[in-house]
């Protein structure tokens, strides 16, 4: 049975394309050819091209291998680290006055 794929949302596609472009610029800044990075990352050149295009079909492991070859693997730990919306939701669930009961209406 063939695996079905979930369509990528437009906003996600834009972010993935930006990530891919960032990875490509990092490779070029280091003066590394696509062939060298692909070999070091253990992938084919077409797979590296897919990473650099930000294609949704690329695995996170492939992206991580490329980042490692560029000495940028620590950037992965930054994903979802700054969760402002999560903190807002969590803080909204806290009582307004810690340790005090709400006043009763008479």
Protein backbone atom coordinates (compact mmCIF):
# COMPACT_ATOMS: atom_id res chain seq x y z
CA UNK A 1 0.00 0.00 0.00
CA UNK A 2 1.54 3.34 -1.03
CA UNK A 3 2.15 5.92 1.65
CA UNK A 4 0.02 9.02 1.36
CA UNK A 5 1.59 12.39 1.92
CA UNK A 6 0.02 15.30 3.70
CA UNK A 7 0.04 18.49 1.65
CA UNK A 8 2.35 21.15 3.02
CA UNK A 9 0.64 24.35 4.13
CA UNK A 10 1.71 27.47 2.19
CA UNK A 11 3.14 29.19 5.28
CA UNK A 12 5.17 26.07 6.11
CA UNK A 13 6.42 25.84 2.51
CA UNK A 14 7.71 29.41 2.74
CA UNK A 15 9.56 28.69 6.00
CA UNK A 16 11.07 25.50 4.59
CA UNK A 17 12.24 27.38 1.49
CA UNK A 18 13.87 29.99 3.73
CA UNK A 19 15.62 27.29 5.79
CA UNK A 20 16.87 25.64 2.61
CA UNK A 21 18.17 28.95 1.28
CA UNK A 22 19.94 29.59 4.59
CA UNK A 23 21.62 26.19 4.40
CA UNK A 24 22.73 26.82 0.82
CA UNK A 25 24.17 30.24 1.73
CA UNK A 26 26.03 28.67 4.67
CA UNK A 27 27.56 26.08 2.32
CA UNK A 28 28.59 28.72 -0.19
CA UNK A 29 30.08 30.97 2.51
CA UNK A 30 32.32 28.08 3.48
CA UNK A 31 33.37 27.58 -0.12
CA UNK A 32 32.15 23.97 -0.15
CA UNK A 33 30.81 22.34 -3.29
CA UNK A 34 27.51 20.50 -3.30
CA UNK A 35 29.36 17.28 -4.10
CA UNK A 36 31.63 17.58 -1.06
CA UNK A 37 28.79 18.36 1.36
CA UNK A 38 26.58 15.63 -0.07
CA UNK A 39 29.39 13.08 0.31
CA UNK A 40 30.17 14.16 3.87
CA UNK A 41 26.48 14.10 4.78
CA UNK A 42 26.08 10.61 3.29
CA UNK A 43 23.54 11.57 0.64
CA UNK A 44 23.27 12.10 -3.07
CA UNK A 45 23.59 15.50 -4.71
CA UNK A 46 19.88 15.48 -5.66
CA UNK A 47 19.01 14.98 -1.98
CA UNK A 48 21.25 17.88 -1.00
CA UNK A 49 19.55 19.98 -3.68
CA UNK A 50 16.19 19.04 -2.13
CA UNK A 51 17.50 20.12 1.31
CA UNK A 52 18.68 23.44 -0.11
CA UNK A 53 15.32 24.00 -1.82
CA UNK A 54 13.50 23.34 1.42
CA UNK A 55 11.44 20.50 0.01
CA UNK A 56 9.01 19.03 2.53
CA UNK A 57 9.86 15.47 1.49
CA UNK A 58 13.38 15.73 2.95
CA UNK A 59 13.83 14.03 6.31
CA UNK A 60 14.89 15.93 9.39
CA UNK A 61 17.83 13.53 9.62
CA UNK A 62 19.06 14.63 6.19
CA UNK A 63 18.84 18.28 7.22
CA UNK A 64 20.66 17.47 10.47
CA UNK A 65 23.47 15.70 8.59
CA UNK A 66 23.97 18.70 6.32
CA UNK A 67 23.95 21.09 9.28
CA UNK A 68 26.55 18.89 10.98
CA UNK A 69 28.79 19.07 7.92
CA UNK A 70 28.53 22.86 8.09
CA UNK A 71 29.19 22.91 11.87
CA UNK A 72 25.66 24.24 12.44
CA UNK A 73 24.05 21.22 14.12
CA UNK A 74 23.53 23.17 17.35
CA UNK A 75 21.02 25.32 15.48
CA UNK A 76 18.61 22.38 15.63
CA UNK A 77 18.39 22.75 19.40
CA UNK A 78 16.99 26.25 18.86
CA UNK A 79 13.85 24.93 17.15
CA UNK A 80 10.76 25.72 19.25
CA UNK A 81 12.96 26.87 22.12
CA UNK A 82 11.37 30.30 22.30
CA UNK A 83 7.72 29.32 22.75
CA UNK A 84 6.11 32.69 23.43
CA UNK A 85 2.58 31.52 22.61
CA UNK A 86 2.95 28.48 24.89
CA UNK A 87 4.08 30.70 27.74
CA UNK A 88 1.12 33.05 27.18
CA UNK A 89 -1.29 30.12 27.30
CA UNK A 90 0.38 28.66 30.37
CA UNK A 91 0.45 32.01 32.19
CA UNK A 92 -3.22 32.58 31.37
CA UNK A 93 -4.12 29.41 33.27
CA UNK A 94 -2.40 30.61 36.45
CA UNK A 95 -4.56 32.07 39.22
CA UNK A 96 -4.49 35.85 39.31
CA UNK A 97 -3.44 35.98 42.99
CA UNK A 98 -1.30 33.06 44.01
CA UNK A 99 -2.41 31.45 47.29
CA UNK A 100 -5.56 33.54 47.72
CA UNK A 101 -9.14 32.45 47.27
CA UNK A 102 -11.32 34.55 45.02
CA UNK A 103 -13.73 36.90 46.86
CA UNK A 104 -17.35 35.80 47.12
CA UNK A 105 -20.11 38.02 45.87
CA UNK A 106 -22.63 38.95 48.62
